[in-house]
Protein backbone atom coordinates (compact mmCIF):
# COMPACT_ATOMS: atom_id res chain seq x y z
CA MET A 1 12.29 2.20 11.74
CA PRO A 2 15.83 1.28 12.05
CA GLY A 3 15.40 -0.50 15.26
CA ASN A 4 14.12 -3.94 15.56
CA ALA A 5 11.90 -3.24 18.43
CA ALA A 6 9.96 -1.09 16.62
CA GLN A 7 9.47 -2.91 13.62
CA ARG A 8 8.50 -5.67 16.11
CA ARG A 9 5.97 -3.85 17.49
CA LEU A 10 4.94 -2.38 13.91
CA VAL A 11 4.37 -5.74 13.13
CA ASP A 12 2.68 -6.93 16.25
CA GLU A 13 0.15 -4.17 15.36
CA LEU A 14 -0.21 -5.07 12.27
CA SER A 15 -1.12 -9.03 12.54
CA ARG A 16 -3.85 -7.29 15.42
CA VAL A 17 -5.35 -5.76 13.20
CA LEU A 18 -5.23 -8.37 9.99
CA LYS A 19 -8.66 -10.16 10.11
CA PRO A 20 -7.37 -14.11 9.59
CA GLY A 21 -6.14 -15.66 6.43
CA GLY A 22 -5.45 -11.76 5.68
CA MET A 23 -2.20 -10.12 3.60
CA LEU A 24 0.61 -8.12 4.16
CA TYR A 25 3.20 -7.13 1.70
CA LEU A 26 6.59 -6.28 2.79
CA SER A 27 9.52 -4.32 0.24
CA ASP A 28 12.22 -3.13 1.32
CA LEU A 29 16.12 -2.90 0.35
CA LEU A 30 18.53 -5.33 1.32
CA LEU A 31 22.90 -5.17 2.83
CA GLN A 32 23.86 -3.94 -0.26
CA ASP A 33 27.62 -5.75 -0.76
CA ASP A 34 29.07 -2.53 -2.40
CA GLU A 35 31.47 -0.24 -0.96
CA ARG A 36 29.62 2.93 -0.22
CA ASN A 37 27.17 0.86 1.54
CA ARG A 38 29.90 -0.84 4.05
CA ASP A 39 31.61 1.95 4.13
CA ARG A 40 28.43 3.96 5.40
CA TYR A 41 26.70 0.63 7.59
CA ALA A 42 30.72 0.64 9.23
CA ARG A 43 30.33 4.54 9.96
CA PHE A 44 27.20 4.46 11.50
CA ALA A 45 27.28 1.06 13.36
CA GLU A 46 28.21 2.30 16.58
CA ARG A 47 25.49 4.95 16.63
CA TYR A 48 22.61 2.93 16.22
CA GLY A 49 23.60 -0.36 16.86
CA THR A 50 23.22 -2.84 14.29
CA TYR A 51 24.87 -3.06 11.03
CA GLY A 52 22.73 -1.12 7.58
CA VAL A 53 21.69 1.86 9.58
CA PHE A 54 22.89 4.57 8.26
CA GLU A 55 21.31 8.45 7.77
CA THR A 56 21.84 10.29 4.08
CA SER A 57 23.14 13.96 3.60
CA ASP A 58 19.50 15.32 4.02
CA GLY A 59 18.84 13.71 7.64
CA ALA A 60 16.68 10.61 7.04
CA VAL A 61 17.94 7.44 9.31
CA CYS A 62 17.50 4.27 7.11
CA ARG A 63 18.68 0.67 7.52
CA HIS A 64 18.90 -1.89 5.03
CA HIS A 65 18.74 -6.10 6.09
CA PRO A 66 19.97 -9.17 5.69
CA SER A 67 17.50 -11.65 4.48
CA ASP A 68 17.38 -13.31 7.63
CA TRP A 69 15.56 -10.01 9.13
CA PHE A 70 12.44 -11.30 7.21
CA THR A 71 12.11 -14.43 7.84
CA SER A 72 12.74 -13.46 11.85
CA LEU A 73 10.42 -10.63 11.52
CA LEU A 74 7.33 -12.05 10.00
CA ALA A 75 7.58 -15.35 12.69
CA ASP A 76 4.26 -15.29 13.25
CA PHE A 77 3.21 -14.83 9.62
CA GLU A 78 2.91 -17.49 6.78
CA ILE A 79 5.15 -16.85 3.94
CA ALA A 80 3.03 -16.96 0.20
CA ASP A 81 5.31 -15.60 -1.54
CA SER A 82 8.89 -13.90 -1.77
CA ARG A 83 11.50 -11.99 -4.79
CA ARG A 84 14.17 -10.33 -5.02
CA ILE A 85 14.18 -7.27 -7.16
CA THR A 86 16.47 -4.71 -8.15
CA VAL A 87 15.01 -1.16 -7.48
CA ALA A 88 16.22 2.09 -8.58
CA THR A 89 16.90 4.62 -5.48
CA MET A 90 15.72 8.17 -5.15
CA ASN A 91 19.82 9.06 -5.66
CA GLY A 92 19.51 6.48 -8.52
CA HIS A 93 22.30 3.76 -7.73
CA GLU A 94 21.06 0.38 -7.50
CA SER A 95 19.87 -1.68 -4.50
CA LYS A 96 18.62 -4.56 -4.48
CA GLY A 97 15.27 -5.90 -2.63
CA ILE A 98 13.05 -7.93 -1.59
CA GLN A 99 8.94 -8.39 -1.72
CA ILE A 100 7.29 -10.46 0.89
CA LEU A 101 3.64 -11.38 0.85
CA ALA A 102 2.56 -12.74 4.50
CA ARG A 103 -0.39 -14.13 5.30
CA ARG A 104 -1.24 -14.13 8.98
CA GLY A 105 -2.40 -17.04 10.91
CA HIS A 106 -5.38 -18.22 12.68
CA LEU A 107 -3.85 -18.53 15.82
CA CYS A 108 -1.46 -14.67 15.49
């Protein structure tokens, strides 16, 4: 889901169905700083209205995020743990990622 609004709706729905104290695990890729990714972010920024969104050669629309996006997206959750990771993509590239474990509050 490349759009902010769609991602917020998803997290709102996850918050709705999680019991108070329930845990949400999020794993995603962060913005990459290599030339290949910077070029494709720039190439698709106008089309999708967000830097970090891009299309793959097979037509998939993907998004890499700045790390502060998750702080905003999960504002109604308590972050129990997070870590930065390096992962191999399906095409064999190394990418920076993030994993977050967040707890639904009692007032969500």
